[in-house]
Amino acid sequence: MRAILAVLSPIAAILSRISLLTAGVGIIIMTVLVFWSIFGRYILNDTPTWTEPAVLLLMSWFILLGSASGVRERSHIGFEIGLAASPPPLRFALKLVTEILLIGFGLAMVGYGTQLAVGTWSAMTPMIGISQGWDYVPVAVGGVLVTLFSIERLLMVLAGTDQTVASSIEQI
């Protein structure tokens, strides 16, 4: 298991970093597009109609990529105090259940995101002229990353190498 983690963890770390950087760049581009839309509307008196759908598409990307990175870094919503207060056998079981549920959620994102992307690929987004399927690709990509990062975490739990608030409290 540790051998698998030795291979998987560096790959997951790189993917998480790329996801986070991509999400950050997406936020910057979105901010520029929103500014351009406001500038065009109120200063130029010529609203650029393509900015709103472009901003929504970018938002999907940076939210889902950032969320996937949050799954890996354990910065998503959790109930750490309950985990820390649990006795070790229950804590282990809760960690297992959490990771298994996250893997299931990630796989559902992959499956349904792919179905939606394929099902809407032939329709075009009116204002930006790209396939509407691109609206759902971030769901599938985010699902792949959530699944991968959750598998890594599950293996860490099974190997006893995961670091959470609960294990940090235990060391004190």
Protein backbone atom coordinates (compact mmCIF):
# COMPACT_ATOMS: atom_id res chain seq x y z
CA MET A 1 0.00 0.00 0.00
CA ARG A 2 2.84 2.38 0.82
CA ALA A 3 4.39 1.58 -2.56
CA ILE A 4 1.18 2.59 -4.31
CA LEU A 5 1.08 5.78 -2.24
CA ALA A 6 4.70 6.50 -3.14
CA VAL A 7 3.66 6.61 -6.79
CA LEU A 8 0.18 8.10 -6.41
CA SER A 9 0.89 10.92 -3.95
CA PRO A 10 3.39 12.88 -6.09
CA ILE A 11 1.05 12.61 -9.08
CA ALA A 12 -1.90 13.73 -6.98
CA ALA A 13 0.15 16.61 -5.55
CA ILE A 14 1.04 17.83 -9.05
CA LEU A 15 -2.56 17.52 -10.25
CA SER A 16 -3.80 19.35 -7.16
CA ARG A 17 -1.30 22.17 -7.71
CA ILE A 18 -2.26 22.46 -11.39
CA SER A 19 -5.95 22.47 -10.44
CA LEU A 20 -5.44 25.20 -7.88
CA LEU A 21 -3.34 27.34 -10.23
CA THR A 22 -5.87 26.88 -13.03
CA ALA A 23 -8.68 27.86 -10.67
CA GLY A 24 -6.73 30.96 -9.62
CA VAL A 25 -6.12 32.00 -13.21
CA GLY A 26 -9.82 31.41 -13.91
CA ILE A 27 -10.79 33.76 -11.08
CA ILE A 28 -8.48 36.45 -12.45
CA ILE A 29 -9.85 36.08 -15.99
CA MET A 30 -13.41 36.09 -14.64
CA THR A 31 -12.72 39.31 -12.75
CA VAL A 32 -11.35 40.95 -15.90
CA LEU A 33 -14.39 39.82 -17.90
CA VAL A 34 -16.81 41.15 -15.29
CA PHE A 35 -14.93 44.46 -15.27
CA TRP A 36 -15.08 44.56 -19.08
CA SER A 37 -18.81 43.89 -19.01
CA ILE A 38 -19.43 46.72 -16.53
CA PHE A 39 -17.08 49.07 -18.41
CA GLY A 40 -18.81 48.26 -21.69
CA ARG A 41 -22.28 48.72 -20.24
CA TYR A 42 -21.77 51.97 -18.34
CA ILE A 43 -18.84 53.70 -20.07
CA LEU A 44 -19.03 52.55 -23.70
CA ASN A 45 -22.81 52.10 -23.65
CA ASP A 46 -22.25 48.84 -25.56
CA THR A 47 -22.74 45.78 -23.37
CA PRO A 48 -20.56 42.85 -24.44
CA THR A 49 -23.09 40.02 -24.43
CA TRP A 50 -20.53 37.23 -24.57
CA THR A 51 -18.99 37.97 -21.16
CA GLU A 52 -21.79 36.53 -19.00
CA PRO A 53 -21.79 33.01 -20.49
CA ALA A 54 -17.98 33.05 -20.55
CA VAL A 55 -17.89 34.02 -16.86
CA LEU A 56 -20.34 31.24 -15.97
CA LEU A 57 -18.21 28.67 -17.82
CA LEU A 58 -15.04 29.89 -16.11
CA MET A 59 -16.83 29.80 -12.76
CA SER A 60 -17.70 26.13 -13.26
CA TRP A 61 -14.07 25.34 -13.96
CA PHE A 62 -12.54 27.17 -11.03
CA ILE A 63 -15.17 26.06 -8.53
CA LEU A 64 -14.88 22.38 -9.44
CA LEU A 65 -11.09 22.34 -9.79
CA GLY A 66 -10.69 24.27 -6.53
CA SER A 67 -13.13 21.94 -4.77
CA ALA A 68 -11.24 18.88 -5.95
CA SER A 69 -8.01 20.36 -4.63
CA GLY A 70 -9.82 21.08 -1.36
CA VAL A 71 -10.74 17.40 -1.10
CA ARG A 72 -7.07 16.47 -1.31
CA GLU A 73 -5.91 19.12 1.12
CA ARG A 74 -8.81 18.47 3.52
CA SER A 75 -9.87 22.11 3.41
CA HIS A 76 -13.47 21.30 2.53
CA ILE A 77 -16.32 21.23 5.00
CA GLY A 78 -15.84 18.56 7.61
CA PHE A 79 -16.72 17.64 11.15
CA GLU A 80 -13.20 17.50 12.57
CA ILE A 81 -14.25 18.05 16.20
CA GLY A 82 -16.48 14.96 16.07
CA LEU A 83 -13.65 12.99 14.52
CA ALA A 84 -11.20 14.22 17.16
CA ALA A 85 -13.60 13.35 19.99
CA SER A 86 -14.25 9.84 18.68
CA PRO A 87 -12.43 6.82 20.08
CA PRO A 88 -9.75 5.48 17.68
CA PRO A 89 -11.75 2.49 16.30
CA LEU A 90 -14.74 4.71 15.51
CA ARG A 91 -12.44 7.40 14.11
CA PHE A 92 -10.89 4.87 11.74
CA ALA A 93 -14.35 3.70 10.61
CA LEU A 94 -15.52 7.30 10.10
CA LYS A 95 -12.47 8.07 7.98
CA LEU A 96 -13.10 4.98 5.86
CA VAL A 97 -16.77 5.83 5.36
CA THR A 98 -15.90 9.44 4.48
CA GLU A 99 -13.40 8.42 1.81
CA ILE A 100 -15.67 5.74 0.36
CA LEU A 101 -18.54 8.24 0.12
CA LEU A 102 -16.25 10.80 -1.53
CA ILE A 103 -15.11 8.19 -4.06
CA GLY A 104 -18.75 7.40 -4.84
CA PHE A 105 -19.55 11.10 -5.18
CA GLY A 106 -16.57 11.62 -7.49
CA LEU A 107 -17.58 8.67 -9.66
CA ALA A 108 -21.14 10.02 -9.87
CA MET A 109 -19.72 13.36 -11.00
CA VAL A 110 -17.69 11.62 -13.69
CA GLY A 111 -20.62 9.54 -14.91
CA TYR A 112 -23.31 12.22 -14.92
CA GLY A 113 -20.96 14.99 -16.04
CA THR A 114 -19.89 12.88 -19.01
CA GLN A 115 -23.50 12.01 -19.87
CA LEU A 116 -24.50 15.67 -19.76
CA ALA A 117 -21.50 16.77 -21.82
CA VAL A 118 -22.13 14.12 -24.48
CA GLY A 119 -25.87 14.79 -24.49
CA THR A 120 -25.46 18.53 -25.04
CA TRP A 121 -22.38 18.49 -27.27
CA SER A 122 -24.31 19.20 -30.49
CA ALA A 123 -26.04 22.29 -29.05
CA MET A 124 -24.20 25.59 -29.31
CA THR A 125 -24.00 28.29 -26.66
CA PRO A 126 -25.55 31.35 -28.35
CA MET A 127 -23.29 34.15 -27.19
CA ILE A 128 -19.88 32.48 -27.22
CA GLY A 129 -20.37 29.98 -30.03
CA ILE A 130 -19.02 26.86 -28.38
CA SER A 131 -20.65 23.55 -27.57
CA GLN A 132 -22.90 23.53 -24.51
CA GLY A 133 -21.16 20.29 -23.60
CA TRP A 134 -18.26 22.41 -22.34
CA ASP A 135 -20.53 23.51 -19.48
CA TYR A 136 -20.44 19.94 -18.13
CA VAL A 137 -16.84 18.95 -18.85
CA PRO A 138 -15.68 20.60 -15.58
CA VAL A 139 -18.10 18.35 -13.64
CA ALA A 140 -16.50 15.24 -15.14
CA VAL A 141 -12.93 16.52 -14.73
CA GLY A 142 -13.64 17.58 -11.14
CA GLY A 143 -15.13 14.14 -10.52
CA VAL A 144 -12.01 12.41 -11.81
CA LEU A 145 -9.86 14.52 -9.49
CA VAL A 146 -12.15 14.05 -6.46
CA THR A 147 -12.08 10.29 -7.06
CA LEU A 148 -8.30 10.19 -7.45
CA PHE A 149 -7.67 12.35 -4.39
CA SER A 150 -10.15 10.35 -2.31
CA ILE A 151 -8.52 7.07 -3.34
CA GLU A 152 -5.20 8.52 -2.23
CA ARG A 153 -6.73 9.51 1.12
CA LEU A 154 -8.39 6.11 1.54
CA LEU A 155 -5.04 4.40 0.99
CA MET A 156 -3.48 6.78 3.53
CA VAL A 157 -6.15 5.87 6.08
CA LEU A 158 -5.62 2.15 5.45
CA ALA A 159 -1.84 2.58 5.71
CA GLY A 160 -2.18 4.68 8.87
CA THR A 161 -0.35 7.66 7.35
CA ASP A 162 -3.19 10.17 7.09
CA GLN A 163 -2.80 13.41 9.00
CA THR A 164 -6.00 14.97 10.27
CA VAL A 165 -6.96 17.15 13.18
CA ALA A 166 -7.77 14.01 15.15
CA SER A 167 -4.32 12.52 14.70
CA SER A 168 -2.72 15.88 15.50
CA ILE A 169 -4.68 16.09 18.77
CA GLU A 170 -3.61 12.55 19.62
CA GLN A 171 0.03 13.57 19.42
CA ILE A 172 -0.37 16.40 21.95
